[in-house]
N, C-alpha and C. Protein backbone atom coordinates (compact mmCIF):
# COMPACT_ATOMS: atom_id res chain seq x y z
N MET A 1 97.12 -37.54 -62.87
CA MET A 1 96.65 -38.02 -64.16
C MET A 1 95.67 -39.19 -64.08
N ALA A 2 94.60 -39.08 -64.60
CA ALA A 2 93.55 -40.16 -64.62
C ALA A 2 93.87 -41.21 -65.56
N ILE A 3 93.43 -42.40 -65.31
CA ILE A 3 93.65 -43.48 -66.24
C ILE A 3 92.31 -43.71 -67.00
N VAL A 4 92.43 -43.76 -68.33
CA VAL A 4 91.25 -43.99 -69.13
C VAL A 4 91.22 -45.48 -69.48
N LYS A 5 90.07 -45.86 -70.03
CA LYS A 5 89.84 -47.30 -70.27
C LYS A 5 90.82 -47.83 -71.29
N SER A 6 91.21 -47.09 -72.26
CA SER A 6 92.09 -47.54 -73.30
C SER A 6 93.51 -47.75 -72.71
N LYS A 7 93.98 -46.95 -71.79
CA LYS A 7 95.26 -47.12 -71.15
C LYS A 7 95.20 -48.35 -70.25
N LEU A 8 94.14 -48.52 -69.51
CA LEU A 8 93.95 -49.69 -68.69
C LEU A 8 93.99 -50.99 -69.47
N LEU A 9 93.27 -50.97 -70.64
CA LEU A 9 93.35 -52.07 -71.57
C LEU A 9 94.69 -52.42 -72.00
N LYS A 10 95.46 -51.33 -72.42
CA LYS A 10 96.88 -51.54 -72.86
C LYS A 10 97.71 -52.10 -71.82
N GLN A 11 97.55 -51.61 -70.50
CA GLN A 11 98.37 -52.23 -69.38
C GLN A 11 97.99 -53.67 -69.17
N LEU A 12 96.73 -54.03 -69.24
CA LEU A 12 96.26 -55.40 -69.18
C LEU A 12 96.88 -56.29 -70.24
N SER A 13 96.85 -55.84 -71.41
CA SER A 13 97.43 -56.63 -72.52
C SER A 13 98.88 -56.72 -72.51
N ASP A 14 99.59 -55.71 -71.96
CA ASP A 14 101.02 -55.80 -71.75
C ASP A 14 101.35 -56.78 -70.63
N ASN A 15 100.56 -56.78 -69.58
CA ASN A 15 100.82 -57.62 -68.45
C ASN A 15 100.51 -59.12 -68.63
N TYR A 16 99.48 -59.29 -69.52
CA TYR A 16 98.94 -60.62 -69.82
C TYR A 16 98.96 -60.82 -71.29
N PRO A 17 100.16 -61.09 -71.94
CA PRO A 17 100.30 -61.24 -73.35
C PRO A 17 99.64 -62.50 -73.92
N ASN A 18 99.40 -63.46 -73.10
CA ASN A 18 98.80 -64.72 -73.46
C ASN A 18 97.24 -64.57 -73.88
N PHE A 19 96.65 -63.53 -73.33
CA PHE A 19 95.22 -63.25 -73.63
C PHE A 19 95.09 -62.37 -74.85
N LEU A 20 93.98 -62.63 -75.55
CA LEU A 20 93.72 -61.69 -76.73
C LEU A 20 93.26 -60.40 -76.22
N LYS A 21 93.53 -59.34 -76.93
CA LYS A 21 93.09 -58.02 -76.56
C LYS A 21 91.66 -57.88 -76.60
N LYS A 22 90.99 -58.51 -77.60
CA LYS A 22 89.55 -58.41 -77.62
C LYS A 22 88.80 -59.13 -76.44
N ASP A 23 89.48 -60.22 -75.97
CA ASP A 23 88.86 -60.88 -74.74
C ASP A 23 89.11 -60.15 -73.50
N LEU A 24 90.34 -59.42 -73.42
CA LEU A 24 90.45 -58.54 -72.28
C LEU A 24 89.49 -57.37 -72.20
N GLU A 25 89.27 -56.90 -73.48
CA GLU A 25 88.34 -55.76 -73.52
C GLU A 25 86.89 -56.10 -73.19
N LYS A 26 86.48 -57.32 -73.69
CA LYS A 26 85.22 -57.81 -73.36
C LYS A 26 84.98 -58.01 -71.92
N THR A 27 86.03 -58.60 -71.25
CA THR A 27 85.98 -58.86 -69.78
C THR A 27 85.88 -57.56 -69.01
N LEU A 28 86.76 -56.54 -69.45
CA LEU A 28 86.73 -55.24 -68.74
C LEU A 28 85.36 -54.68 -68.92
N ASN A 29 84.79 -54.67 -70.09
CA ASN A 29 83.40 -54.10 -70.29
C ASN A 29 82.38 -54.84 -69.43
N ILE A 30 82.45 -56.10 -69.34
CA ILE A 30 81.46 -56.78 -68.43
C ILE A 30 81.61 -56.44 -66.98
N VAL A 31 82.85 -56.26 -66.49
CA VAL A 31 83.07 -55.90 -65.08
C VAL A 31 82.50 -54.47 -64.91
N LEU A 32 82.80 -53.60 -65.71
CA LEU A 32 82.41 -52.17 -65.62
C LEU A 32 80.84 -52.07 -65.69
N ASN A 33 80.31 -52.87 -66.60
CA ASN A 33 78.83 -52.81 -66.82
C ASN A 33 78.11 -53.42 -65.58
N GLU A 34 78.64 -54.46 -64.98
CA GLU A 34 78.06 -55.04 -63.80
C GLU A 34 78.18 -54.02 -62.53
N ILE A 35 79.22 -53.30 -62.51
CA ILE A 35 79.38 -52.29 -61.43
C ILE A 35 78.30 -51.15 -61.67
N LYS A 36 78.14 -50.72 -62.92
CA LYS A 36 77.10 -49.79 -63.22
C LYS A 36 75.72 -50.26 -62.92
N ILE A 37 75.38 -51.51 -63.24
CA ILE A 37 74.07 -52.05 -63.06
C ILE A 37 73.81 -52.17 -61.53
N ALA A 38 74.85 -52.54 -60.82
CA ALA A 38 74.63 -52.73 -59.36
C ALA A 38 74.38 -51.34 -58.63
N LEU A 39 75.15 -50.34 -59.02
CA LEU A 39 75.00 -48.98 -58.52
C LEU A 39 73.73 -48.42 -58.88
N ASN A 40 73.20 -48.61 -60.11
CA ASN A 40 71.93 -48.14 -60.52
C ASN A 40 70.76 -48.71 -59.72
N LYS A 41 70.98 -50.02 -59.24
CA LYS A 41 70.01 -50.64 -58.39
C LYS A 41 69.99 -50.13 -56.95
N GLY A 42 71.13 -49.36 -56.65
CA GLY A 42 71.29 -48.85 -55.27
C GLY A 42 72.02 -49.83 -54.43
N GLU A 43 72.73 -50.83 -55.00
CA GLU A 43 73.54 -51.75 -54.21
C GLU A 43 74.96 -51.27 -54.08
N ASN A 44 75.65 -51.75 -53.03
CA ASN A 44 77.08 -51.50 -52.91
C ASN A 44 77.93 -52.38 -53.71
N VAL A 45 79.05 -51.90 -54.16
CA VAL A 45 80.03 -52.73 -54.86
C VAL A 45 81.34 -52.71 -54.10
N GLU A 46 81.81 -53.95 -53.83
CA GLU A 46 83.14 -53.96 -53.11
C GLU A 46 84.08 -54.87 -53.80
N LEU A 47 85.32 -54.23 -54.08
CA LEU A 47 86.38 -55.00 -54.63
C LEU A 47 87.46 -55.13 -53.47
N ARG A 48 87.64 -56.36 -53.01
CA ARG A 48 88.48 -56.54 -51.88
C ARG A 48 89.92 -55.93 -52.13
N ASP A 49 90.46 -55.36 -51.15
CA ASP A 49 91.76 -54.75 -51.13
C ASP A 49 91.88 -53.49 -52.11
N PHE A 50 90.70 -53.05 -52.63
CA PHE A 50 90.68 -51.89 -53.50
C PHE A 50 89.76 -50.79 -52.98
N GLY A 51 88.50 -51.12 -52.82
CA GLY A 51 87.62 -50.16 -52.22
C GLY A 51 86.19 -50.55 -52.43
N THR A 52 85.25 -49.62 -51.99
CA THR A 52 83.81 -49.86 -52.04
C THR A 52 83.16 -48.60 -52.70
N TRP A 53 82.24 -48.87 -53.63
CA TRP A 53 81.34 -47.86 -54.17
C TRP A 53 80.01 -48.02 -53.60
N SER A 54 79.35 -46.89 -53.30
CA SER A 54 77.98 -46.91 -52.76
C SER A 54 77.25 -45.71 -53.33
N VAL A 55 75.91 -45.76 -53.27
CA VAL A 55 75.12 -44.74 -53.82
C VAL A 55 74.39 -44.06 -52.62
N GLN A 56 74.55 -42.68 -52.61
CA GLN A 56 73.95 -41.93 -51.57
C GLN A 56 72.96 -40.91 -52.18
N THR A 57 71.89 -40.68 -51.40
CA THR A 57 70.90 -39.69 -51.96
C THR A 57 71.22 -38.33 -51.29
N GLN A 58 71.33 -37.37 -52.17
CA GLN A 58 71.56 -35.99 -51.71
C GLN A 58 70.07 -35.36 -51.66
N LYS A 59 69.76 -34.79 -50.55
CA LYS A 59 68.43 -34.24 -50.43
C LYS A 59 68.26 -32.97 -51.27
N ALA A 60 66.96 -32.69 -51.61
CA ALA A 60 66.75 -31.46 -52.33
C ALA A 60 67.01 -30.19 -51.37
N ARG A 61 67.52 -29.20 -51.93
CA ARG A 61 67.83 -28.02 -51.15
C ARG A 61 67.67 -26.69 -51.95
N LEU A 62 67.81 -25.64 -51.20
CA LEU A 62 67.79 -24.33 -51.83
C LEU A 62 69.19 -23.87 -52.06
N SER A 63 69.56 -23.62 -53.27
CA SER A 63 70.89 -23.11 -53.65
C SER A 63 70.84 -21.84 -54.23
N ARG A 64 72.01 -21.33 -54.63
CA ARG A 64 72.08 -19.92 -55.10
C ARG A 64 72.95 -19.93 -56.41
N ASN A 65 72.49 -19.22 -57.43
CA ASN A 65 73.27 -19.04 -58.60
C ASN A 65 74.40 -17.99 -58.27
N PRO A 66 75.70 -18.45 -58.35
CA PRO A 66 76.79 -17.54 -57.93
C PRO A 66 76.89 -16.31 -58.75
N ARG A 67 76.52 -16.41 -60.02
CA ARG A 67 76.60 -15.24 -61.00
C ARG A 67 75.62 -14.15 -60.68
N THR A 68 74.38 -14.56 -60.51
CA THR A 68 73.25 -13.60 -60.32
C THR A 68 72.71 -13.46 -58.96
N GLY A 69 73.07 -14.40 -58.06
CA GLY A 69 72.52 -14.42 -56.70
C GLY A 69 71.12 -14.94 -56.56
N GLU A 70 70.55 -15.37 -57.69
CA GLU A 70 69.20 -15.91 -57.68
C GLU A 70 69.16 -17.18 -56.98
N LYS A 71 68.08 -17.35 -56.13
CA LYS A 71 67.89 -18.62 -55.43
C LYS A 71 67.18 -19.65 -56.31
N LEU A 72 67.67 -20.85 -56.26
CA LEU A 72 67.21 -21.97 -57.05
C LEU A 72 66.94 -23.14 -56.23
N GLU A 73 65.96 -23.93 -56.65
CA GLU A 73 65.66 -25.12 -55.90
C GLU A 73 66.45 -26.29 -56.57
N THR A 74 67.40 -26.94 -55.93
CA THR A 74 68.11 -28.12 -56.46
C THR A 74 67.26 -29.32 -56.07
N PRO A 75 67.00 -30.14 -57.10
CA PRO A 75 66.23 -31.32 -56.85
C PRO A 75 67.03 -32.43 -56.10
N GLU A 76 66.36 -33.44 -55.54
CA GLU A 76 67.10 -34.54 -54.98
C GLU A 76 67.84 -35.32 -55.99
N LYS A 77 69.00 -35.72 -55.71
CA LYS A 77 69.82 -36.50 -56.71
C LYS A 77 70.62 -37.58 -55.98
N ARG A 78 71.07 -38.55 -56.77
CA ARG A 78 71.86 -39.65 -56.28
C ARG A 78 73.30 -39.41 -56.63
N LYS A 79 74.18 -39.74 -55.74
CA LYS A 79 75.62 -39.55 -56.03
C LYS A 79 76.40 -40.78 -55.67
N ILE A 80 77.49 -41.05 -56.30
CA ILE A 80 78.31 -42.19 -56.07
C ILE A 80 79.41 -41.84 -55.11
N ARG A 81 79.67 -42.68 -54.04
CA ARG A 81 80.72 -42.46 -53.03
C ARG A 81 81.64 -43.62 -53.14
N PHE A 82 82.98 -43.27 -53.18
CA PHE A 82 83.93 -44.26 -53.23
C PHE A 82 84.81 -44.23 -51.94
N LYS A 83 84.99 -45.40 -51.36
CA LYS A 83 85.91 -45.37 -50.13
C LYS A 83 86.93 -46.41 -50.41
N MET A 84 88.27 -45.96 -50.34
CA MET A 84 89.22 -46.90 -50.61
C MET A 84 89.49 -47.85 -49.36
N SER A 85 90.08 -48.99 -49.72
CA SER A 85 90.44 -49.95 -48.57
C SER A 85 91.60 -49.54 -47.87
N LYS A 86 91.79 -50.03 -46.59
CA LYS A 86 92.95 -49.64 -45.82
C LYS A 86 94.20 -50.13 -46.53
N LYS A 87 94.12 -51.32 -47.14
CA LYS A 87 95.36 -51.87 -47.94
C LYS A 87 95.75 -50.87 -49.00
N LEU A 88 94.80 -50.38 -49.80
CA LEU A 88 95.10 -49.49 -50.86
C LEU A 88 95.62 -48.13 -50.31
N PHE A 89 95.01 -47.64 -49.24
CA PHE A 89 95.50 -46.41 -48.54
C PHE A 89 96.88 -46.54 -48.08
N LYS A 90 97.28 -47.66 -47.55
CA LYS A 90 98.67 -47.84 -47.12
C LYS A 90 99.57 -47.97 -48.23
N LYS A 91 99.20 -48.61 -49.36
CA LYS A 91 100.06 -48.64 -50.55
C LYS A 91 100.27 -47.36 -51.23
N ILE A 92 99.22 -46.55 -51.30
CA ILE A 92 99.36 -45.25 -51.88
C ILE A 92 100.33 -44.30 -51.03
N ASN A 93 100.22 -44.48 -49.73
CA ASN A 93 100.97 -43.50 -48.79
C ASN A 93 102.27 -44.28 -48.35
N ASN A 94 102.69 -45.31 -49.04
CA ASN A 94 103.96 -46.05 -48.84
C ASN A 94 104.17 -46.48 -47.40
N ASN A 95 103.04 -46.98 -46.83
CA ASN A 95 103.14 -47.51 -45.43
C ASN A 95 103.00 -49.07 -45.40
N GLU A 96 103.44 -49.70 -46.48
CA GLU A 96 103.37 -51.18 -46.55
C GLU A 96 104.17 -51.86 -45.50
């Protein structure tokens, strides 16, 4: 199950009842927006003990439409790569 921003915001407000929900929402939006801006510039984003996001360029290539078999030229595009930290990997796999 994926976590959506509203559920994350609810968990934050439950864990930190002293903060106003609108302040937590504003802070979360700022953090996510800064991650977007950095990735758009082609920079890496690292959150210690969580993971790293980086942008990689996928080369243009010849692909095939699976329904018709027609060959298509797929243009170059950028994709986001996430690599989790060793600490998060151990926590997920119960190796703490």
